[in-house]
Protein backbone atom coordinates (compact mmCIF):
# COMPACT_ATOMS: atom_id res chain seq x y z
CA MET A 1 -61.62 -58.84 -23.23
CA SER A 2 -61.55 -58.59 -27.03
CA ARG A 3 -59.60 -55.81 -28.60
CA ALA A 4 -61.08 -53.65 -31.35
CA LYS A 5 -59.01 -53.67 -34.48
CA PRO A 6 -57.48 -50.27 -35.30
CA ASN A 7 -58.23 -48.49 -38.56
CA ASP A 8 -56.10 -50.51 -40.92
CA GLN A 9 -54.62 -48.41 -43.69
CA TRP A 10 -52.05 -51.20 -44.18
CA SER A 11 -54.52 -54.01 -44.81
CA SER A 12 -54.57 -53.98 -48.61
CA GLY A 13 -52.10 -56.80 -48.99
CA ALA A 14 -49.59 -55.17 -46.69
CA LEU A 15 -50.02 -57.59 -43.78
CA LYS A 16 -50.46 -61.28 -44.39
CA PRO A 17 -50.56 -63.88 -41.58
CA ASP A 18 -47.99 -66.63 -41.82
CA GLY A 19 -48.18 -68.89 -38.77
CA ALA A 20 -47.18 -67.01 -35.64
CA ARG A 21 -45.43 -64.32 -37.63
CA VAL A 22 -46.73 -61.63 -39.98
CA SER A 23 -44.94 -60.47 -43.08
CA VAL A 24 -44.64 -56.70 -42.92
CA SER A 25 -44.93 -54.70 -46.11
CA THR A 26 -41.44 -53.27 -46.38
CA ALA A 27 -42.70 -50.74 -48.93
CA SER A 28 -45.27 -49.30 -46.49
CA LEU A 29 -42.88 -49.16 -43.56
CA SER A 30 -40.06 -47.79 -45.69
CA SER A 31 -42.34 -45.01 -46.94
CA ALA A 32 -43.16 -43.96 -43.38
CA LEU A 33 -39.51 -44.09 -42.36
CA ARG A 34 -38.51 -41.92 -45.32
CA ARG A 35 -41.11 -39.31 -44.42
CA LEU A 36 -39.79 -39.18 -40.88
CA GLY A 37 -36.88 -37.12 -42.16
CA SER A 38 -39.11 -34.37 -43.54
CA ARG A 39 -38.45 -30.75 -42.67
CA GLU A 40 -42.19 -30.23 -42.19
CA LYS A 41 -43.50 -31.10 -38.73
CA ASN A 42 -46.93 -32.10 -40.05
CA ASP A 43 -45.35 -34.56 -42.50
CA ARG A 44 -43.32 -36.10 -39.68
CA ALA A 45 -46.45 -36.35 -37.52
CA ARG A 46 -48.30 -38.24 -40.27
CA ALA A 47 -45.39 -40.62 -40.75
CA ILE A 48 -45.27 -41.32 -37.00
CA LYS A 49 -49.02 -41.94 -36.99
CA ASP A 50 -48.62 -44.45 -39.80
CA ILE A 51 -45.92 -46.29 -37.87
CA THR A 52 -47.90 -46.48 -34.64
CA THR A 53 -50.98 -47.68 -36.56
CA LEU A 54 -48.90 -50.44 -38.15
CA ILE A 55 -47.68 -51.62 -34.75
CA GLU A 56 -51.19 -51.57 -33.30
CA ASN A 57 -52.46 -53.67 -36.22
CA LEU A 58 -49.67 -56.17 -35.74
CA ALA A 59 -50.60 -56.47 -32.08
CA TYR A 60 -54.22 -57.13 -33.06
CA ASP A 61 -53.02 -60.00 -35.24
CA GLN A 62 -50.91 -61.25 -32.30
CA SER A 63 -47.73 -60.92 -34.36
CA ARG A 64 -45.10 -60.56 -31.63
CA GLY A 65 -42.29 -61.49 -33.96
CA ALA A 66 -43.37 -58.95 -36.56
CA ILE A 67 -43.57 -56.21 -33.90
CA ASP A 68 -40.03 -57.05 -32.78
CA ALA A 69 -38.87 -56.83 -36.39
CA VAL A 70 -40.47 -53.39 -36.81
CA VAL A 71 -38.98 -52.15 -33.53
CA GLU A 72 -35.56 -53.36 -34.62
CA GLU A 73 -35.90 -51.43 -37.85
CA LEU A 74 -37.11 -48.38 -35.92
CA ASN A 75 -34.05 -48.61 -33.68
CA GLY A 76 -31.84 -48.38 -36.71
CA LYS A 77 -33.77 -45.38 -37.99
CA LEU A 78 -33.66 -43.68 -34.58
CA MET A 79 -29.89 -44.10 -34.48
CA GLU A 80 -29.64 -42.51 -37.92
CA LEU A 81 -31.94 -39.60 -37.01
CA ALA A 82 -30.41 -38.94 -33.59
CA ASP A 83 -26.99 -38.67 -35.23
CA GLY A 84 -28.32 -36.60 -38.14
CA ALA A 85 -26.67 -33.40 -39.29
CA GLU A 86 -29.98 -31.55 -39.70
CA VAL A 87 -32.03 -30.21 -36.78
CA HIS A 88 -35.29 -31.59 -38.20
CA GLU A 89 -33.80 -35.09 -38.25
CA ARG A 90 -32.92 -34.96 -34.57
CA LEU A 91 -36.34 -33.51 -33.79
CA ALA A 92 -37.90 -36.43 -35.67
CA ALA A 93 -36.09 -38.86 -33.36
CA THR A 94 -37.49 -37.23 -30.23
CA GLU A 95 -41.00 -36.96 -31.69
CA LEU A 96 -41.02 -40.64 -32.64
CA ILE A 97 -39.81 -41.69 -29.18
CA CYS A 98 -42.59 -39.64 -27.56
CA GLU A 99 -45.23 -41.60 -29.47
CA LEU A 100 -43.58 -45.00 -29.18
CA ALA A 101 -43.26 -44.56 -25.41
CA ASP A 102 -47.06 -44.56 -25.13
CA LEU A 103 -47.54 -47.79 -27.12
CA GLU A 104 -48.42 -50.75 -24.91
CA GLU A 105 -47.45 -53.07 -27.78
CA ILE A 106 -43.74 -52.32 -27.27
CA GLU A 107 -42.17 -53.83 -24.18
CA THR A 108 -41.10 -51.43 -21.44
CA SER A 109 -37.63 -52.96 -21.31
CA THR A 110 -37.13 -52.16 -25.00
CA LYS A 111 -38.28 -48.57 -24.52
CA VAL A 112 -36.00 -47.95 -21.56
CA THR A 113 -32.88 -49.75 -22.72
CA SER A 114 -32.98 -48.65 -26.37
CA PHE A 115 -34.83 -45.34 -26.56
CA SER A 116 -33.23 -43.84 -23.45
CA ASN A 117 -29.80 -43.91 -25.12
CA TYR A 118 -31.05 -41.72 -27.96
CA VAL A 119 -32.71 -39.34 -25.50
CA ARG A 120 -29.47 -38.98 -23.52
CA LEU A 121 -27.60 -38.22 -26.73
CA LEU A 122 -30.12 -35.56 -27.79
CA LEU A 123 -30.27 -33.92 -24.36
CA GLY A 124 -26.67 -32.91 -25.05
CA ASP A 125 -27.55 -31.29 -28.38
CA ALA A 126 -26.38 -27.79 -29.23
CA GLN A 127 -29.85 -26.70 -30.43
CA TRP A 128 -32.27 -25.52 -27.76
CA CYS A 129 -35.34 -26.82 -29.62
CA VAL A 130 -33.86 -30.32 -29.79
CA ILE A 131 -33.11 -30.25 -26.06
CA GLU A 132 -36.71 -29.21 -25.31
CA SER A 133 -38.12 -32.00 -27.46
CA ALA A 134 -35.71 -34.55 -25.98
CA ALA A 135 -36.77 -33.55 -22.46
CA LYS A 136 -40.41 -34.22 -23.39
CA ALA A 137 -39.42 -37.66 -24.69
CA PHE A 138 -37.53 -38.26 -21.46
CA GLY A 139 -40.67 -37.38 -19.50
CA ARG A 140 -42.70 -39.94 -21.46
CA LEU A 141 -40.11 -42.65 -20.79
CA SER A 142 -39.85 -41.79 -17.09
CA SER A 143 -43.60 -42.37 -16.66
CA LEU A 144 -43.45 -46.03 -17.72
CA GLY A 145 -42.88 -47.48 -14.26
CA GLY A 146 -41.05 -50.65 -13.28
CA THR A 147 -37.59 -51.38 -11.92
CA LEU A 148 -35.74 -50.54 -15.13
CA THR A 149 -37.48 -47.17 -15.35
CA ALA A 150 -36.74 -46.39 -11.69
CA ASP A 151 -33.03 -47.09 -12.23
CA PHE A 152 -33.04 -44.96 -15.37
CA VAL A 153 -34.80 -42.07 -13.59
CA GLU A 154 -32.49 -42.31 -10.58
CA PHE A 155 -29.39 -42.10 -12.76
CA GLU A 156 -30.67 -39.10 -14.76
CA ALA A 157 -31.82 -37.29 -11.61
CA LYS A 158 -28.36 -37.56 -10.03
CA ARG A 159 -26.63 -36.50 -13.23
CA SER A 160 -28.90 -33.47 -13.65
CA LEU A 161 -28.32 -32.36 -10.07
CA GLU A 162 -24.55 -32.58 -10.53
CA VAL A 163 -24.78 -30.40 -13.64
CA LEU A 164 -26.89 -27.82 -11.79
CA ASN A 165 -24.19 -27.37 -9.20
CA ASP A 166 -21.48 -26.75 -11.80
CA GLY A 167 -20.18 -23.32 -10.83
CA MET A 168 -18.40 -22.82 -14.16
CA LEU A 169 -21.72 -22.94 -15.99
CA ALA A 170 -23.17 -20.36 -13.62
CA LYS A 171 -20.42 -17.96 -14.65
CA GLY A 172 -21.24 -18.41 -18.32
CA LYS A 173 -18.32 -20.72 -18.99
CA GLY A 174 -18.85 -24.07 -20.63
CA GLU A 175 -22.07 -25.16 -22.29
CA SER A 176 -25.17 -23.47 -20.88
CA SER A 177 -27.16 -26.09 -22.78
CA ARG A 178 -26.27 -28.53 -19.99
CA HIS A 179 -28.00 -26.30 -17.43
CA TYR A 180 -30.99 -26.05 -19.75
CA ALA A 181 -31.23 -29.81 -20.23
CA SER A 182 -30.93 -30.43 -16.50
CA VAL A 183 -33.73 -28.10 -15.41
CA LEU A 184 -36.00 -29.46 -18.14
CA VAL A 185 -35.25 -33.06 -17.15
CA ILE A 186 -35.98 -32.34 -13.49
CA ARG A 187 -39.29 -30.68 -14.33
CA GLU A 188 -40.27 -33.74 -16.39
CA LEU A 189 -39.28 -36.02 -13.52
CA VAL A 190 -41.40 -34.09 -11.05
CA ILE A 191 -44.39 -34.35 -13.39
CA HIS A 192 -44.00 -37.95 -14.61
CA ALA A 193 -42.07 -39.72 -11.84
CA PRO A 194 -42.77 -37.75 -8.63
CA THR A 195 -42.47 -40.78 -6.34
CA VAL A 196 -38.97 -41.57 -7.56
CA PHE A 197 -37.81 -37.94 -7.61
CA ASN A 198 -39.27 -37.15 -4.19
CA THR A 199 -36.08 -38.27 -2.47
CA HIS A 200 -34.06 -35.73 -4.50
CA VAL A 201 -36.11 -32.62 -3.74
CA SER A 202 -33.75 -31.38 -1.02
CA ASP A 203 -30.73 -31.85 -3.32
CA PHE A 204 -32.52 -29.86 -5.99
CA PHE A 205 -33.25 -26.94 -3.66
CA GLU A 206 -29.58 -26.85 -2.66
CA ASN A 207 -28.19 -27.05 -6.19
CA VAL A 208 -30.60 -25.14 -8.43
CA TRP A 209 -29.29 -21.63 -7.73
CA PRO A 210 -26.51 -21.48 -10.35
CA ALA A 211 -29.17 -22.20 -13.00
CA VAL A 212 -31.57 -19.62 -11.48
CA LYS A 213 -28.98 -16.92 -12.21
CA ASN A 214 -27.60 -18.37 -15.45
CA PRO A 215 -26.59 -15.62 -17.92
CA LYS A 216 -29.30 -16.76 -20.36
CA SER A 217 -32.77 -15.51 -19.41
CA PHE A 218 -34.71 -18.46 -20.83
CA ILE A 219 -32.62 -20.86 -18.74
CA ARG A 220 -33.40 -18.79 -15.63
CA ARG A 221 -37.10 -19.00 -16.46
CA GLU A 222 -37.00 -22.77 -16.93
CA ALA A 223 -35.02 -23.17 -13.70
CA ALA A 224 -37.63 -21.16 -11.79
CA GLU A 225 -40.46 -23.21 -13.33
CA SER A 226 -38.70 -26.42 -12.29
CA LEU A 227 -38.37 -24.99 -8.80
CA GLY A 228 -42.10 -24.26 -8.83
CA ALA A 229 -42.81 -27.87 -9.82
CA CYS A 230 -40.66 -29.07 -6.90
CA LEU A 231 -42.51 -26.72 -4.54
CA ARG A 232 -45.79 -28.33 -5.60
CA LEU A 233 -44.25 -31.73 -4.89
CA LEU A 234 -43.05 -30.48 -1.51
CA ARG A 235 -46.65 -29.78 -0.46
CA GLN A 236 -47.02 -33.51 0.20
CA ARG A 237 -44.36 -33.47 2.91
CA ASP A 238 -44.95 -32.70 6.59
CA SER A 239 -45.31 -29.07 7.68
CA LYS A 240 -42.04 -28.75 9.61
CA TYR A 241 -40.01 -30.10 6.68
CA ARG A 242 -41.77 -27.78 4.22
CA MET A 243 -41.33 -24.68 6.36
CA SER A 244 -37.61 -25.21 6.73
CA TRP A 245 -37.18 -25.33 2.95
CA TYR A 246 -39.50 -22.38 2.40
CA GLU A 247 -37.39 -20.26 4.73
CA PHE A 248 -34.23 -21.44 2.98
CA ILE A 249 -35.61 -20.45 -0.43
CA VAL A 250 -36.77 -17.02 0.80
CA ALA A 251 -33.27 -16.38 2.13
CA GLN A 252 -31.82 -17.31 -1.27
CA VAL A 253 -34.31 -15.02 -3.01
CA ASN A 254 -33.38 -12.05 -0.82
CA SER A 255 -29.70 -12.72 -1.43
CA LEU A 256 -30.18 -12.81 -5.22
CA ILE A 257 -32.22 -9.60 -5.28
CA ARG A 258 -29.49 -7.75 -3.36
CA GLU A 259 -26.86 -8.65 -5.98
CA LYS A 260 -25.81 -6.10 -8.60
CA ASN A 261 -25.91 -8.73 -11.35
CA PRO A 262 -29.21 -8.32 -13.29
CA SER A 263 -29.28 -12.08 -14.00
CA ALA A 264 -29.32 -12.81 -10.27
CA VAL A 265 -31.97 -10.15 -9.57
CA HIS A 266 -34.14 -11.54 -12.36
CA GLY A 267 -33.76 -15.08 -11.03
CA GLY A 268 -34.64 -13.85 -7.54
CA PHE A 269 -37.95 -12.35 -8.65
CA LEU A 270 -38.79 -15.38 -10.79
CA THR A 271 -38.34 -17.54 -7.69
CA MET A 272 -40.33 -15.12 -5.53
CA ASN A 273 -43.19 -15.47 -7.99
CA GLU A 274 -43.07 -19.28 -7.72
CA MET A 275 -43.16 -18.96 -3.92
CA LEU A 276 -46.29 -16.81 -4.11
CA LEU A 277 -47.93 -19.34 -6.41
CA ASN A 278 -46.95 -22.60 -4.71
CA THR A 279 -46.55 -22.24 -0.92
CA ASP A 280 -50.15 -21.76 0.24
CA ASP A 281 -50.21 -19.10 3.00
CA PHE A 282 -46.50 -19.18 3.84
CA MET A 283 -45.68 -15.92 2.04
CA THR A 284 -48.14 -13.96 4.19
CA ARG A 285 -45.39 -13.35 6.73
CA HIS A 286 -43.04 -12.19 3.95
CA PHE A 287 -45.59 -10.15 2.00
CA ASP A 288 -44.41 -6.72 3.23
CA ASP A 289 -40.75 -7.53 2.59
CA ALA A 290 -41.64 -8.75 -0.91
CA TRP A 291 -43.42 -5.46 -1.62
CA ILE A 292 -40.39 -3.46 -0.45
CA SER A 293 -38.24 -5.44 -2.92
CA VAL A 294 -40.78 -4.73 -5.68
CA LEU A 295 -40.67 -0.99 -4.99
CA GLN A 296 -36.89 -1.01 -5.08
CA CYS A 297 -36.67 -2.82 -8.43
CA LYS A 298 -39.86 -1.88 -10.32
CA SER A 299 -37.93 0.57 -12.52
CA HIS A 300 -34.78 -1.56 -12.89
CA ARG A 301 -32.68 -0.85 -15.97
CA ASP A 302 -32.95 -4.48 -17.10
CA ARG A 303 -36.16 -5.38 -18.99
CA ASP A 304 -36.15 -9.00 -17.76
CA VAL A 305 -36.12 -7.75 -14.17
CA ARG A 306 -38.98 -5.32 -14.82
CA GLU A 307 -41.01 -8.10 -16.42
CA ALA A 308 -40.41 -10.46 -13.47
CA VAL A 309 -41.33 -7.68 -11.03
CA ALA A 310 -44.59 -7.12 -12.92
CA ALA A 311 -45.36 -10.84 -12.65
CA VAL A 312 -44.74 -10.68 -8.89
CA ILE A 313 -47.08 -7.68 -8.57
CA GLY A 314 -49.84 -9.61 -10.32
CA SER A 315 -49.25 -12.66 -8.13
CA MET A 316 -49.29 -10.54 -4.97
CA ALA A 317 -52.68 -9.13 -5.97
CA ALA A 318 -54.07 -12.63 -6.46
CA TYR A 319 -52.34 -13.98 -3.33
CA SER A 320 -53.83 -11.50 -0.84
CA PRO A 321 -56.34 -9.12 -2.47
CA ASP A 322 -57.22 -7.34 0.78
CA HIS A 323 -53.61 -6.76 1.83
CA PHE A 324 -52.69 -5.70 -1.71
CA ALA A 325 -55.62 -3.27 -1.92
CA ASP A 326 -54.64 -1.61 1.36
CA MET A 327 -50.89 -1.41 0.86
CA CYS A 328 -49.92 -1.87 -2.80
CA MET A 329 -52.67 -1.17 -5.32
CA GLN A 330 -52.32 2.59 -5.64
CA ALA A 331 -48.55 2.54 -6.16
CA ALA A 332 -48.71 -0.52 -8.44
CA THR A 333 -51.44 0.89 -10.68
CA LYS A 334 -49.73 4.28 -10.93
CA HIS A 335 -46.41 2.62 -11.85
CA LEU A 336 -48.00 0.43 -14.54
CA CYS A 337 -50.11 3.16 -16.11
CA GLU A 338 -47.22 5.61 -16.24
CA GLY A 339 -44.99 2.93 -17.74
CA LEU A 340 -47.53 2.14 -20.46
CA ARG A 341 -47.96 5.80 -21.39
CA LYS A 342 -44.21 6.00 -21.97
CA ASN A 343 -44.00 2.68 -23.80
CA PRO A 344 -47.38 1.23 -24.86
CA GLU A 345 -45.77 -1.82 -26.49
CA ILE A 346 -44.84 -3.52 -23.21
CA GLY A 347 -47.23 -6.45 -23.14
CA PHE A 348 -46.31 -7.73 -19.70
CA MET A 349 -47.52 -4.50 -18.06
CA TYR A 350 -50.98 -4.93 -19.57
CA ALA A 351 -50.95 -8.53 -18.34
CA CYS A 352 -50.09 -7.32 -14.83
CA LEU A 353 -52.90 -4.75 -14.84
CA ASP A 354 -55.22 -7.49 -16.07
CA ARG A 355 -54.36 -9.70 -13.10
CA ILE A 356 -54.80 -6.78 -10.67
CA LEU A 357 -58.28 -5.97 -11.99
CA ALA A 358 -59.28 -9.64 -11.89
CA ALA A 359 -58.16 -9.91 -8.25
CA MET A 360 -59.39 -6.52 -7.00
CA LYS A 361 -62.80 -6.47 -8.71
CA GLU A 362 -64.91 -3.60 -7.31
CA ARG A 363 -61.99 -2.40 -5.17
CA ALA A 364 -60.30 -1.20 -8.37
CA ALA A 365 -63.07 1.32 -9.12
CA ASP A 366 -60.85 4.27 -8.21
CA PHE A 367 -58.52 3.39 -11.09
CA GLN A 368 -61.15 2.94 -13.80
CA ALA A 369 -60.35 6.27 -15.44
CA ASP A 370 -56.59 5.58 -15.47
CA VAL A 371 -57.01 2.12 -17.00
CA PHE A 372 -59.26 3.32 -19.82
CA LYS A 373 -57.04 6.31 -20.53
CA VAL A 374 -54.15 3.92 -21.13
CA LEU A 375 -56.33 1.71 -23.34
CA ARG A 376 -57.56 4.63 -25.44
CA GLU A 377 -54.03 5.91 -25.96
CA THR A 378 -52.77 2.44 -26.89
CA LEU A 379 -55.59 1.29 -29.16
CA SER A 380 -55.98 4.58 -31.03
CA VAL A 381 -52.48 4.39 -32.53
CA LYS A 382 -52.82 3.15 -36.11
CA LYS A 383 -49.11 2.85 -36.99
CA ARG A 384 -48.74 -0.54 -35.30
CA PRO A 385 -51.01 -3.21 -33.89
CA PRO A 386 -51.26 -3.07 -30.10
CA PRO A 387 -50.08 -5.91 -27.86
CA GLU A 388 -52.78 -8.58 -27.63
CA GLU A 389 -52.52 -8.25 -23.84
CA ALA A 390 -54.11 -4.79 -24.21
CA LEU A 391 -57.20 -6.36 -25.80
CA GLN A 392 -57.38 -8.93 -23.04
CA LEU A 393 -57.16 -6.11 -20.48
CA LEU A 394 -60.09 -4.37 -22.20
CA GLY A 395 -62.24 -7.46 -21.73
CA THR A 396 -61.25 -7.81 -18.08
CA ALA A 397 -61.91 -4.11 -17.45
CA ALA A 398 -65.41 -4.46 -18.91
CA GLU A 399 -66.03 -7.54 -16.76
CA THR A 400 -64.67 -5.82 -13.63
CA PHE A 401 -66.48 -2.47 -13.92
CA GLY A 402 -69.60 -3.70 -15.75
CA ASN A 403 -72.28 -1.23 -16.80
CA ALA A 404 -70.50 1.58 -14.94
CA ALA A 405 -67.84 1.46 -17.68
CA GLU A 406 -70.24 1.54 -20.65
CA GLU A 407 -69.17 5.01 -21.79
CA ASP A 408 -65.47 4.25 -21.38
CA VAL A 409 -65.76 0.94 -23.22
CA SER A 410 -67.74 2.51 -26.05
CA GLY A 411 -65.01 5.11 -26.49
CA VAL A 412 -62.38 2.38 -26.82
CA LEU A 413 -64.44 0.08 -29.08
CA ARG A 414 -64.39 2.50 -32.01
CA HIS A 415 -60.60 2.10 -32.05
CA VAL A 416 -60.81 -1.68 -31.63
CA TYR A 417 -63.01 -1.97 -34.72
CA GLU A 418 -60.23 -0.44 -36.82
CA LEU A 419 -57.65 -3.01 -35.72
CA PRO A 420 -56.71 -6.23 -37.53
CA LEU A 421 -58.78 -9.15 -36.33
CA CYS A 422 -57.18 -11.49 -33.80
CA ARG A 423 -58.40 -14.24 -31.48
CA LYS A 424 -57.90 -12.25 -28.25
CA GLY A 425 -59.79 -9.34 -29.78
CA VAL A 426 -62.76 -11.59 -30.52
CA VAL A 427 -62.65 -13.03 -27.01
CA ALA A 428 -62.55 -9.51 -25.55
CA LEU A 429 -65.59 -8.52 -27.60
CA ALA A 430 -67.49 -11.57 -26.35
CA VAL A 431 -66.65 -10.67 -22.74
CA ILE A 432 -67.73 -7.06 -23.28
CA ALA A 433 -71.03 -8.13 -24.82
CA LYS A 434 -71.75 -10.37 -21.84
CA SER A 435 -70.63 -7.84 -19.21
CA ILE A 436 -72.32 -4.78 -20.75
CA PRO A 437 -75.47 -6.06 -22.49
CA ARG A 438 -76.35 -2.69 -24.07
CA LEU A 439 -73.19 -2.96 -26.22
CA ALA A 440 -73.93 -6.50 -27.38
CA THR A 441 -75.98 -5.54 -30.44
CA SER A 442 -73.28 -3.39 -32.05
CA ILE A 443 -70.62 -6.04 -31.33
CA GLU A 444 -72.81 -8.78 -32.80
CA GLY A 445 -73.27 -6.70 -35.95
CA ARG A 446 -69.53 -6.39 -36.43
CA LEU A 447 -68.91 -10.11 -35.97
CA VAL A 448 -71.86 -11.17 -38.14
CA ALA A 449 -70.76 -8.85 -40.95
CA LEU A 450 -67.25 -10.31 -40.82
CA LEU A 451 -68.47 -13.90 -40.89
CA CYS A 452 -70.93 -13.33 -43.70
CA GLN A 453 -68.22 -11.56 -45.65
CA THR A 454 -65.77 -14.41 -45.09
CA LEU A 455 -68.01 -17.44 -45.59
CA ALA A 456 -70.18 -16.10 -48.39
CA GLY A 457 -67.32 -14.47 -50.26
CA SER A 458 -68.94 -11.03 -50.34
CA ALA A 459 -70.57 -8.89 -47.71
CA ASP A 460 -74.22 -8.13 -47.44
CA GLU A 461 -74.60 -4.50 -48.52
CA ASP A 462 -75.96 -3.36 -45.19
CA GLY A 463 -73.37 -5.42 -43.29
CA ALA A 464 -70.54 -3.97 -45.34
CA GLU A 465 -71.79 -0.47 -44.67
CA SER A 466 -72.08 -1.09 -40.93
CA ALA A 467 -68.76 -2.85 -40.72
CA GLY A 468 -66.81 -0.14 -42.42
CA ALA A 469 -63.73 -0.46 -44.56
CA HIS A 470 -61.21 -1.60 -42.00
CA GLY A 471 -60.51 -3.96 -39.13
CA TYR A 472 -63.38 -6.16 -38.03
CA GLY A 473 -65.26 -5.65 -41.30
CA HIS A 474 -62.35 -5.86 -43.74
CA ASP A 475 -61.34 -8.79 -45.98
CA GLU A 476 -57.73 -8.69 -44.79
CA SER A 477 -58.87 -9.40 -41.23
CA ALA A 478 -60.94 -12.34 -42.43
CA LYS A 479 -57.79 -14.25 -43.40
CA ASP A 480 -57.05 -15.17 -39.77
CA LEU A 481 -58.62 -18.65 -39.51
CA GLY A 482 -58.27 -18.81 -35.72
CA ALA A 483 -59.95 -15.44 -35.28
CA ARG A 484 -62.72 -16.42 -37.71
CA SER A 485 -63.48 -19.56 -35.74
CA GLY A 486 -63.47 -17.49 -32.53
CA ALA A 487 -65.85 -15.00 -34.10
CA LEU A 488 -68.10 -17.86 -35.23
CA GLY A 489 -68.20 -19.28 -31.71
CA ALA A 490 -68.89 -15.89 -30.15
CA THR A 491 -71.65 -15.12 -32.62
CA GLY A 492 -73.12 -18.57 -32.05
CA ARG A 493 -73.36 -17.83 -28.33
CA PHE A 494 -75.07 -14.52 -29.08
CA ALA A 495 -77.51 -16.21 -31.49
CA ASP A 496 -78.44 -18.85 -28.93
CA GLY A 497 -79.19 -16.28 -26.23
CA ALA A 498 -82.69 -15.46 -25.16
CA ALA A 499 -82.24 -11.82 -26.13
CA ALA A 500 -80.47 -12.45 -29.42
CA SER A 501 -80.48 -9.49 -31.74
CA PRO A 502 -82.00 -9.66 -35.24
CA ALA A 503 -78.47 -9.70 -36.68
CA ALA A 504 -77.50 -12.68 -34.56
CA ARG A 505 -80.71 -14.52 -35.45
CA ARG A 506 -80.07 -13.85 -39.15
CA SER A 507 -76.55 -15.25 -38.76
CA ARG A 508 -77.94 -18.44 -37.25
CA GLY A 509 -80.13 -18.92 -40.30
CA PHE A 510 -77.27 -18.02 -42.62
CA PHE A 511 -74.91 -20.62 -41.18
CA ALA A 512 -77.64 -23.27 -41.10
CA ALA A 513 -78.48 -22.76 -44.74
């Protein structure tokens, strides 16, 4: 099968066949290698693209020797970057490895034997962002397959599990970055090399707990996410084996939640959430006990714990809507609404309410007034922009209650129109227009006025008057490119509808002109 030649930006005298070898333009390659060390991520991405294009072109010309020469030069550059003093240099090394790992033109043995050494070095970095990027590169390498890759994965899996069980790290002594690297590596292994890692799942469940209660909250979160990935992998095993580990994990969760250490309690609820998400119907038998734990800790002094509890509440609503409606919904909704009245800036509480409404649907009708009271109080404050989760909740509330909430939604919209434009706000408006058709015309007018104002440079006189001087009709809001594109898409959907308003039809003609 013939291979299509890649776009060749190097072809203007850069590559010239010479027998079985190709002479590589050192100037072109050197330019790309220099730009790899840029502080700007976009510049590094363009340099990496140039390098991969060069290698693909060499492969098209069947220049094996030239490819080997480029890879040798890249190895030298990777060594320099991986050992660099600047964070952006070390990030460049991981970003380049990620892209090179996907190139079929480079032999797997070269990728594993050479690139893996740089990844190991960078997984021990002191900067969290470098560790995260190195873990992604590790995941790409672990997906290559073959005997060499299996040996490499096996070694890293064992080393990561040993680090997880280091009790000194769990007490905050030593380098917590090692815990962080280990949980990230294991999550990448589960995703990219599940067959190889499958034999280590039981070791992971035994050893992960020091990381789950690590003093650093972001390490606890990553440890819980890795545990969730392993739970998804465990679904492939036989029922008896799965149930024994599920019971083991629930026992660990209960033990953590009973501790006085907030880090342990937080880790316990993070793990409980992963159990609700990834164990099918197993948690049904533990649902009541989980709710008792939620009630005991919902007002915990530690914010991380309160946030994890809110996530569990949302997951419980989605896990068993009927059971939640009968036993939990009234207390949960009251707790969340009261908490938001005291502190309307807590985004995770809006997110929890959003999940409850999405799961309960018409069963949440009794709490319509409470939800919209919170939204009015939050969105009417002009001193500060509200959490974007509040706008998302508004859209979900409109979708849940439908036309029955028209008056409540209208009362909130006048405050929304005075807010700075953002993508979630535009999405919420689109949902409202679809869920409550009688409000669609006014929403369309706002969005059309904004788009005309942005794209034409000045507002139509009538549009400017209808849009007002602030928020969704104001020039400052129009500077958000992402929100503008969202508004354009939303207005396009309105204009294409059978019942498009005159404003939406005018916008269609405007943008086509």
